């Protein structure tokens, strides 16, 4: 059997190399093809252009157009769509518009994907009015909007704070016969959840189930997280149970969202059970997931297990963030090891972290609970001085008022009275705060 080479086979080979970023090898195949008499066509160059825009940059991709013209091949709508999409991905609005105008000048009629990319670019840059005008242009040019067009509109409106308009558009499209896909439902549910419109999100979730589409893990996790953020914990746990009953696979984000909610509501035994399930699933954790588990351990008083997690974080090549250290400081304080918490607070500074207000609050709380009021007062005063130096003396009262509000849950009334009786500086701070009608 004789194997016959063709430009089609050449393009398949080039596309395979471009897909994995092997651009030098792809270019070598082009040269070898020319030597064999297989001349590249518009598909060849479009494939190269798309790969250059993805792996190198838009300027390198644009240079492919010059090569096409030198070879006597005219760019087509796909050529320019790839470039506009690349510019949109990098939020280069002026470049996207220039390419669109160039396409019109060369006599290439934009298709719906050309307009979709422009709409997406306007939305990404927070220009919903301009994006809507592009949407109107699609209608005026007698192009048929695709489902992606509607998804871009709904997603863009949601991301720019116009969730109500997005929902209205969705209802209008339904009345016009638009059949939403799963991705449409997920976009709208995500937008409603971000706007804290939980009831509307759950209503869309029910419609999704009735439509014949099957909600995926992303759908459920989005609504579940919104329930927890809205302090509708029981509803969130119900969704988690529904996910389990339907056999959905959980990622670290889903597990940690549930663990954090159970921990927050004091249901530590259930949180431990979920954590064990996560451990059995061999899920790779990121630093946020580790922080969630560490917080659970600290709430349970398991400091040894917490320190083991720190070793595990290092073994996996991850870096602790300021939240990791703050959680540990809080755990040490709750265990009564205030000296250890103070040492770790100093270590945070040595490691390049600015000790956060929350971490300092935890230490002041710990000092007050073990009766070291003098130390707590000194630390409070030093924090005030540092903040005054950073923000200027005119902001001193503002910051102190904020700090008092932030730590009023930390200091018991008895400790507060002791501090007021002991420190004239703090008294004057409280007076300044009271004059600002903070209390």
Protein backbone atom coordinates (compact mmCIF):
# COMPACT_ATOMS: atom_id res chain seq x y z
CA UNK A 1 0.00 0.00 0.00
CA UNK A 2 1.46 3.33 -1.08
CA UNK A 3 1.08 6.22 1.36
CA UNK A 4 0.17 9.43 -0.46
CA UNK A 5 1.16 12.69 1.24
CA UNK A 6 -1.25 15.60 1.08
CA UNK A 7 -1.62 19.08 2.50
CA UNK A 8 -4.45 17.72 4.66
CA UNK A 9 -2.10 15.22 6.33
CA UNK A 10 0.50 17.97 6.66
CA UNK A 11 -2.04 20.17 8.47
CA UNK A 12 -2.99 17.35 10.84
CA UNK A 13 0.66 16.88 11.78
CA UNK A 14 1.20 20.63 12.27
CA UNK A 15 -1.97 20.94 14.36
CA UNK A 16 -0.80 18.12 16.65
CA UNK A 17 2.53 19.85 17.26
CA UNK A 18 0.95 23.28 17.73
CA UNK A 19 -1.50 21.89 20.26
CA UNK A 20 1.37 21.02 22.63
CA UNK A 21 3.38 24.16 21.89
CA UNK A 22 6.03 22.52 19.70
CA UNK A 23 6.21 25.48 17.33
CA UNK A 24 9.78 24.91 16.12
CA UNK A 25 8.93 21.36 15.10
CA UNK A 26 5.73 22.58 13.44
CA UNK A 27 7.72 25.11 11.40
CA UNK A 28 10.18 22.35 10.46
CA UNK A 29 7.28 20.23 9.19
CA UNK A 30 6.11 23.16 7.05
CA UNK A 31 9.59 23.41 5.47
CA UNK A 32 9.75 19.63 4.93
CA UNK A 33 6.32 19.74 3.30
CA UNK A 34 7.40 22.46 0.88
CA UNK A 35 10.46 20.36 -0.07
CA UNK A 36 8.08 17.48 -0.85
CA UNK A 37 5.91 19.76 -2.95
CA UNK A 38 3.16 20.16 -0.33
CA UNK A 39 2.44 23.87 -0.18
CA UNK A 40 0.81 25.24 2.99
CA UNK A 41 -2.72 26.59 2.64
CA UNK A 42 -4.86 28.97 4.69
CA UNK A 43 -5.58 26.20 7.24
CA UNK A 44 -1.85 25.70 7.78
CA UNK A 45 -1.22 29.36 8.48
CA UNK A 46 -4.34 29.75 10.64
CA UNK A 47 -3.14 26.83 12.77
CA UNK A 48 0.28 28.42 13.20
CA UNK A 49 -1.23 31.83 13.90
CA UNK A 50 -3.48 30.43 16.63
CA UNK A 51 -0.53 28.64 18.26
CA UNK A 52 1.70 31.73 18.17
CA UNK A 53 -1.04 33.84 19.76
CA UNK A 54 -1.42 31.25 22.51
CA UNK A 55 2.20 30.42 23.30
CA UNK A 56 4.21 33.46 22.16
CA UNK A 57 2.18 36.63 21.74
CA UNK A 58 -0.13 38.56 19.49
CA UNK A 59 2.69 40.32 17.59
CA UNK A 60 4.26 36.98 16.67
CA UNK A 61 0.83 35.76 15.59
CA UNK A 62 0.21 38.85 13.47
CA UNK A 63 3.50 38.28 11.64
CA UNK A 64 1.99 35.08 10.23
CA UNK A 65 -0.38 37.26 8.16
CA UNK A 66 2.63 38.78 6.37
CA UNK A 67 3.91 35.28 5.59
CA UNK A 68 0.48 34.33 4.23
CA UNK A 69 0.41 37.32 1.90
CA UNK A 70 3.97 36.63 0.71
CA UNK A 71 2.86 33.09 -0.13
CA UNK A 72 -0.09 34.46 -2.11
CA UNK A 73 -2.68 33.27 0.43
CA UNK A 74 -5.37 35.68 1.58
CA UNK A 75 -6.30 35.73 5.28
CA UNK A 76 -9.92 34.77 5.99
CA UNK A 77 -12.41 35.44 8.78
CA UNK A 78 -10.90 32.65 10.89
CA UNK A 79 -7.50 34.34 10.66
CA UNK A 80 -8.81 37.60 12.07
CA UNK A 81 -11.10 35.90 14.60
CA UNK A 82 -8.06 34.15 16.08
CA UNK A 83 -6.20 37.46 16.38
CA UNK A 84 -9.19 39.30 17.87
CA UNK A 85 -9.69 36.48 20.37
CA UNK A 86 -6.01 36.69 21.35
CA UNK A 87 -6.26 40.47 21.83
CA UNK A 88 -9.44 40.03 23.86
CA UNK A 89 -7.79 37.48 26.11
CA UNK A 90 -5.12 40.07 26.93
CA UNK A 91 -7.74 42.87 27.28
CA UNK A 92 -6.21 44.80 24.37
CA UNK A 93 -9.35 46.62 23.32
CA UNK A 94 -7.76 49.07 20.86
CA UNK A 95 -5.92 46.17 19.17
CA UNK A 96 -9.17 44.20 18.90
CA UNK A 97 -10.94 47.17 17.32
CA UNK A 98 -8.04 47.81 14.92
CA UNK A 99 -8.12 44.19 13.77
CA UNK A 100 -11.89 44.37 13.32
CA UNK A 101 -11.52 47.52 11.17
CA UNK A 102 -8.69 45.93 9.18
CA UNK A 103 -10.90 42.95 8.48
CA UNK A 104 -13.61 45.25 7.11
CA UNK A 105 -11.10 47.18 4.96
CA UNK A 106 -9.82 44.00 3.35
CA UNK A 107 -13.36 43.00 2.40
CA UNK A 108 -13.73 40.18 4.91
CA UNK A 109 -17.23 40.06 6.39
CA UNK A 110 -17.15 39.49 10.17
CA UNK A 111 -19.16 36.54 11.43
CA UNK A 112 -20.92 36.10 14.76
CA UNK A 113 -17.67 34.92 16.40
CA UNK A 114 -15.99 38.20 15.46
CA UNK A 115 -18.72 40.12 17.25
CA UNK A 116 -18.71 37.69 20.18
CA UNK A 117 -15.02 38.37 20.80
CA UNK A 118 -15.57 42.14 20.73
CA UNK A 119 -18.50 41.84 23.15
CA UNK A 120 -16.40 39.73 25.49
CA UNK A 121 -13.57 42.28 25.37
CA UNK A 122 -15.89 45.19 26.24
CA UNK A 123 -17.40 43.24 29.14
CA UNK A 124 -13.96 42.28 30.48
CA UNK A 125 -13.00 45.95 30.56
CA UNK A 126 -16.19 46.97 32.36
CA UNK A 127 -17.91 48.55 29.34
CA UNK A 128 -21.34 46.86 29.23
CA UNK A 129 -22.96 49.67 27.20
CA UNK A 130 -20.45 49.22 24.38
CA UNK A 131 -20.89 45.45 24.56
CA UNK A 132 -24.64 45.88 24.23
CA UNK A 133 -24.11 48.04 21.12
CA UNK A 134 -22.06 45.23 19.58
CA UNK A 135 -24.93 42.87 20.40
CA UNK A 136 -27.33 45.22 18.59
CA UNK A 137 -24.94 45.29 15.59
CA UNK A 138 -25.24 41.50 15.33
CA UNK A 139 -29.00 41.87 14.91
CA UNK A 140 -28.70 44.81 12.48
CA UNK A 141 -26.26 42.92 10.22
CA UNK A 142 -28.75 40.03 9.97
CA UNK A 143 -26.37 37.59 11.61
CA UNK A 144 -27.87 34.78 13.66
CA UNK A 145 -26.68 35.02 17.27
CA UNK A 146 -25.30 31.75 18.63
CA UNK A 147 -25.86 30.30 22.08
CA UNK A 148 -22.36 31.57 22.88
CA UNK A 149 -23.53 35.11 22.04
CA UNK A 150 -26.29 34.90 24.63
CA UNK A 151 -23.98 33.27 27.18
CA UNK A 152 -21.44 36.08 26.74
CA UNK A 153 -24.18 38.67 27.24
CA UNK A 154 -25.59 37.01 30.37
CA UNK A 155 -22.14 36.38 31.84
CA UNK A 156 -20.93 39.89 31.03
CA UNK A 157 -23.98 41.54 32.58
CA UNK A 158 -23.60 39.43 35.73
CA UNK A 159 -19.89 40.18 36.06
CA UNK A 160 -20.52 43.91 35.68
CA UNK A 161 -23.16 44.00 38.42
CA UNK A 162 -26.25 43.89 36.22
CA UNK A 163 -27.60 40.55 37.39
CA UNK A 164 -31.19 41.80 37.21
CA UNK A 165 -30.76 42.73 33.54
CA UNK A 166 -29.10 39.36 32.90
CA UNK A 167 -32.08 37.56 34.39
CA UNK A 168 -34.50 39.73 32.39
CA UNK A 169 -32.57 38.98 29.17
CA UNK A 170 -32.63 35.28 30.00
CA UNK A 171 -36.43 35.34 30.49
CA UNK A 172 -36.90 37.31 27.26
CA UNK A 173 -34.78 34.82 25.31
CA UNK A 174 -36.79 31.94 26.76
CA UNK A 175 -40.00 33.56 25.51
CA UNK A 176 -38.39 33.83 22.06
CA UNK A 177 -37.72 30.10 22.02
CA UNK A 178 -34.11 30.08 23.26
CA UNK A 179 -33.27 26.72 24.83
CA UNK A 180 -30.54 27.24 27.45
CA UNK A 181 -27.62 24.84 27.77
CA UNK A 182 -26.06 23.67 31.02
CA UNK A 183 -23.37 26.33 30.68
CA UNK A 184 -26.09 29.02 30.46
CA UNK A 185 -27.67 27.80 33.67
CA UNK A 186 -24.29 27.69 35.41
CA UNK A 187 -23.43 31.24 34.29
CA UNK A 188 -26.74 32.61 35.57
CA UNK A 189 -26.63 30.65 38.83
CA UNK A 190 -23.07 31.84 39.45
CA UNK A 191 -24.04 35.47 38.78
CA UNK A 192 -27.07 35.27 41.08
CA UNK A 193 -25.00 33.64 43.82
CA UNK A 194 -22.33 36.34 43.60
CA UNK A 195 -25.10 38.93 43.99
CA UNK A 196 -26.33 37.03 47.08
CA UNK A 197 -29.68 36.31 45.36
CA UNK A 198 -29.91 32.82 46.79
CA UNK A 199 -33.65 32.27 46.26
CA UNK A 200 -33.40 33.23 42.59
CA UNK A 201 -30.36 30.97 42.18
CA UNK A 202 -32.20 28.02 43.72
CA UNK A 203 -35.19 28.72 41.46
CA UNK A 204 -32.93 28.54 38.38
CA UNK A 205 -31.42 25.34 39.81
CA UNK A 206 -34.89 23.80 39.98
CA UNK A 207 -35.60 24.92 36.40
CA UNK A 208 -32.34 23.29 35.35
CA UNK A 209 -33.47 19.97 36.81
CA UNK A 210 -36.86 20.27 35.09
CA UNK A 211 -35.27 21.13 31.71
CA UNK A 212 -33.81 17.68 31.22
CA UNK A 213 -30.25 18.94 31.71
CA UNK A 214 -28.31 17.38 34.56
CA UNK A 215 -26.64 19.78 37.02
CA UNK A 216 -22.92 19.15 37.35
CA UNK A 217 -20.60 19.50 40.35
CA UNK A 218 -19.90 23.14 39.42
CA UNK A 219 -23.62 23.97 39.61
CA UNK A 220 -24.11 22.40 43.02
CA UNK A 221 -20.87 23.74 44.48
CA UNK A 222 -21.72 27.29 43.39
CA UNK A 223 -25.13 27.22 45.09
CA UNK A 224 -23.74 25.44 48.15
CA UNK A 225 -21.07 28.09 48.63
CA UNK A 226 -23.68 30.84 48.25
CA UNK A 227 -25.80 29.18 50.96
CA UNK A 228 -22.84 29.18 53.33
CA UNK A 229 -21.98 32.82 52.53
CA UNK A 230 -25.60 33.79 53.20
CA UNK A 231 -25.46 31.84 56.50
CA UNK A 232 -28.11 29.45 55.19
CA UNK A 233 -26.03 26.55 56.45
CA UNK A 234 -28.76 23.90 56.52
CA UNK A 235 -29.64 24.58 52.88
CA UNK A 236 -25.96 24.26 52.00
CA UNK A 237 -25.66 20.95 53.84
CA UNK A 238 -28.78 19.69 52.04
CA UNK A 239 -27.18 20.45 48.68
CA UNK A 240 -23.99 18.67 49.79
CA UNK A 241 -26.05 15.60 50.76
CA UNK A 242 -27.85 15.72 47.41
CA UNK A 243 -24.49 15.79 45.61
CA UNK A 244 -23.34 12.74 47.58
CA UNK A 245 -26.55 10.83 46.91
CA UNK A 246 -26.20 11.45 43.16
CA UNK A 247 -22.62 10.20 43.14
CA UNK A 248 -20.84 13.43 42.20
CA UNK A 249 -17.09 13.53 42.68
CA UNK A 250 -15.92 16.25 45.04
CA UNK A 251 -12.86 18.41 44.61
CA UNK A 252 -10.86 20.03 47.41
CA UNK A 253 -12.88 23.23 47.07
CA UNK A 254 -16.20 21.43 47.70
CA UNK A 255 -14.89 19.49 50.67
CA UNK A 256 -13.25 22.52 52.25
CA UNK A 257 -16.35 24.68 51.81
CA UNK A 258 -18.35 22.12 53.79
CA UNK A 259 -15.61 21.65 56.40
CA UNK A 260 -15.36 25.41 56.93
CA UNK A 261 -19.16 25.73 57.30
CA UNK A 262 -19.37 22.83 59.77
CA UNK A 263 -16.47 24.27 61.75
CA UNK A 264 -18.10 27.70 61.82
CA UNK A 265 -21.36 26.22 63.15
CA UNK A 266 -19.54 24.22 65.83
CA UNK A 267 -20.28 20.81 64.28
CA UNK A 268 -16.71 19.61 64.68
CA UNK A 269 -17.41 15.86 64.67
CA UNK A 270 -19.16 16.10 61.31
CA UNK A 271 -16.33 18.30 60.03
CA UNK A 272 -13.84 15.63 61.09
CA UNK A 273 -15.86 12.98 59.24
CA UNK A 274 -15.85 15.04 56.03
CA UNK A 275 -12.12 15.65 56.42
CA UNK A 276 -11.50 11.90 56.71
CA UNK A 277 -13.55 11.35 53.54
CA UNK A 278 -11.41 13.93 51.77
CA UNK A 279 -8.22 12.23 52.99
CA UNK A 280 -9.43 8.88 51.63
CA UNK A 281 -10.13 10.48 48.24
CA UNK A 282 -6.42 11.30 47.67
CA UNK A 283 -7.27 14.85 46.61
CA UNK A 284 -4.38 17.24 46.09
CA UNK A 285 -4.81 20.20 48.42
CA UNK A 286 -3.84 23.80 47.77
CA UNK A 287 -2.85 26.25 50.50
CA UNK A 288 -6.46 27.41 50.97
CA UNK A 289 -7.52 23.81 51.59
CA UNK A 290 -4.69 23.28 54.06
CA UNK A 291 -5.71 26.45 55.88
CA UNK A 292 -9.26 25.13 56.21
CA UNK A 293 -8.06 21.83 57.67
CA UNK A 294 -5.62 23.63 59.98
CA UNK A 295 -8.44 25.80 61.29
CA UNK A 296 -10.45 22.67 62.08
CA UNK A 297 -7.49 21.09 63.91
CA UNK A 298 -6.96 24.26 65.94
CA UNK A 299 -10.64 24.39 66.86
CA UNK A 300 -10.25 20.81 68.12
CA UNK A 301 -7.08 21.72 70.04
CA UNK A 302 -4.97 19.35 67.90
CA UNK A 303 -1.81 21.45 67.69
CA UNK A 304 0.47 18.47 67.00
CA UNK A 305 -1.63 17.57 63.96
CA UNK A 306 -1.48 21.23 62.91
CA UNK A 307 2.33 21.23 63.00
CA UNK A 308 2.36 18.01 60.96
CA UNK A 309 0.26 19.81 58.35
CA UNK A 310 2.89 22.55 58.20
CA UNK A 311 5.50 19.89 57.39
CA UNK A 312 3.18 18.41 54.76
CA UNK A 313 2.70 21.83 53.16
CA UNK A 314 6.48 22.17 52.84
CA UNK A 315 6.85 18.62 51.46
CA UNK A 316 4.32 19.39 48.72
CA UNK A 317 6.25 22.49 47.67
CA UNK A 318 3.57 24.93 48.81
CA UNK A 319 4.20 28.17 50.69
CA UNK A 320 2.31 29.21 53.80
CA UNK A 321 0.48 32.52 53.50
CA UNK A 322 -0.44 35.03 56.20
CA UNK A 323 -3.70 33.18 56.85
CA UNK A 324 -1.80 29.98 57.63
CA UNK A 325 0.27 31.76 60.26
CA UNK A 326 -2.73 33.64 61.68
CA UNK A 327 -4.66 30.38 62.09
CA UNK A 328 -1.70 28.86 63.95
CA UNK A 329 -1.36 31.93 66.20
CA UNK A 330 -5.07 31.75 67.01
CA UNK A 331 -4.76 28.04 67.78
CA UNK A 332 -1.80 28.63 70.11
CA UNK A 333 -3.72 31.38 71.94
CA UNK A 334 -6.81 29.21 72.33
CA UNK A 335 -4.60 26.46 73.78
CA UNK A 336 -3.20 28.95 76.31
CA UNK A 337 0.27 29.03 74.74
CA UNK A 338 0.43 32.81 74.39
CA UNK A 339 4.23 32.85 74.54
CA UNK A 340 4.33 30.52 71.55
CA UNK A 341 1.86 32.77 69.74
CA UNK A 342 4.04 35.82 70.42
CA UNK A 343 7.11 33.99 69.09
CA UNK A 344 5.25 33.02 65.94
CA UNK A 345 4.03 36.59 65.51
CA UNK A 346 7.67 37.73 65.53
CA UNK A 347 8.57 34.96 63.09
CA UNK A 348 5.91 36.24 60.69
CA UNK A 349 7.80 39.53 60.45
CA UNK A 350 11.11 37.72 59.96
CA UNK A 351 9.58 35.68 57.14
CA UNK A 352 8.51 38.86 55.36
CA UNK A 353 4.87 38.96 56.46
CA UNK A 354 3.36 42.07 57.98
CA UNK A 355 1.59 40.68 61.03
CA UNK A 356 -2.08 41.24 60.30
CA UNK A 357 -4.62 42.98 62.47
CA UNK A 358 -6.41 39.66 62.97
CA UNK A 359 -3.23 37.94 64.20
CA UNK A 360 -2.56 40.78 66.62
CA UNK A 361 -6.17 40.65 67.82
CA UNK A 362 -5.74 36.95 68.58
CA UNK A 363 -2.63 37.62 70.66
CA UNK A 364 -4.28 40.48 72.59
CA UNK A 365 -7.23 38.19 73.26
CA UNK A 366 -4.87 35.49 74.50
CA UNK A 367 -2.96 37.91 76.73
CA UNK A 368 -6.18 39.19 78.29
CA UNK A 369 -7.47 35.68 78.95
CA UNK A 370 -4.30 34.68 80.81
CA UNK A 371 -4.37 37.91 82.81
CA UNK A 372 -1.40 39.64 81.16
CA UNK A 373 -3.24 42.95 80.83
CA UNK A 374 -0.13 45.13 80.98
CA UNK A 375 1.37 43.25 78.06
CA UNK A 376 -1.92 43.53 76.16
CA UNK A 377 -2.02 47.30 76.74
CA UNK A 378 1.57 47.74 75.53
CA UNK A 379 0.87 45.72 72.41
CA UNK A 380 -2.28 47.72 71.74
CA UNK A 381 -0.39 51.00 72.14
CA UNK A 382 2.43 49.85 69.84
CA UNK A 383 -0.11 48.88 67.19
CA UNK A 384 -1.66 52.33 67.46
CA UNK A 385 1.74 54.02 67.08
CA UNK A 386 2.67 51.90 64.06
CA UNK A 387 -0.62 52.62 62.35
CA UNK A 388 -0.32 56.34 63.08
CA UNK A 389 3.14 56.37 61.45
CA UNK A 390 1.84 54.52 58.40
CA UNK A 391 -1.35 56.47 57.92
CA UNK A 392 -0.57 59.82 59.51
CA UNK A 393 -1.76 61.27 62.81
CA UNK A 394 -4.97 62.56 61.24
CA UNK A 395 -6.08 58.97 60.72
CA UNK A 396 -5.31 57.87 64.26
CA UNK A 397 -8.83 58.22 65.64
CA UNK A 398 -10.35 56.62 62.57
CA UNK A 399 -8.10 53.61 62.83
CA UNK A 400 -8.55 53.28 66.60
CA UNK A 401 -12.30 53.42 66.21
CA UNK A 402 -12.11 50.70 63.56
CA UNK A 403 -9.82 48.62 65.73
CA UNK A 404 -12.15 48.85 68.73
CA UNK A 405 -15.08 47.73 66.61
CA UNK A 406 -12.99 44.89 65.19
CA UNK A 407 -11.87 43.66 68.62
CA UNK A 408 -14.94 44.34 70.72
CA UNK A 409 -15.72 40.62 70.52
CA UNK A 410 -12.21 39.86 71.77
CA UNK A 411 -12.04 41.92 74.95
CA UNK A 412 -14.50 41.06 77.69
CA UNK A 413 -16.18 43.94 79.48
CA UNK A 414 -14.12 43.30 82.59
CA UNK A 415 -10.85 43.43 80.69
CA UNK A 416 -12.01 46.54 78.87
CA UNK A 417 -12.71 48.31 82.15
CA UNK A 418 -9.31 47.27 83.52
CA UNK A 419 -7.59 48.67 80.45
CA UNK A 420 -9.54 51.91 80.62
CA UNK A 421 -8.58 52.36 84.24
CA UNK A 422 -4.92 51.63 83.53
CA UNK A 423 -4.10 53.57 80.37
CA UNK A 424 -4.82 57.25 79.80
CA UNK A 425 -3.73 56.90 76.14
CA UNK A 426 -6.41 54.30 75.52
CA UNK A 427 -8.98 56.45 77.36
CA UNK A 428 -8.27 59.38 75.04
CA UNK A 429 -8.57 57.01 72.09
CA UNK A 430 -11.97 55.83 73.29
CA UNK A 431 -13.08 59.44 73.76
CA UNK A 432 -12.00 60.27 70.21
CA UNK A 433 -13.90 57.26 68.95
CA UNK A 434 -17.04 58.16 70.89
CA UNK A 435 -16.98 61.68 69.43
CA UNK A 436 -17.12 60.03 66.00
CA UNK A 437 -20.40 58.37 67.03
CA UNK A 438 -18.86 54.92 66.76
CA UNK A 439 -20.65 53.69 69.87
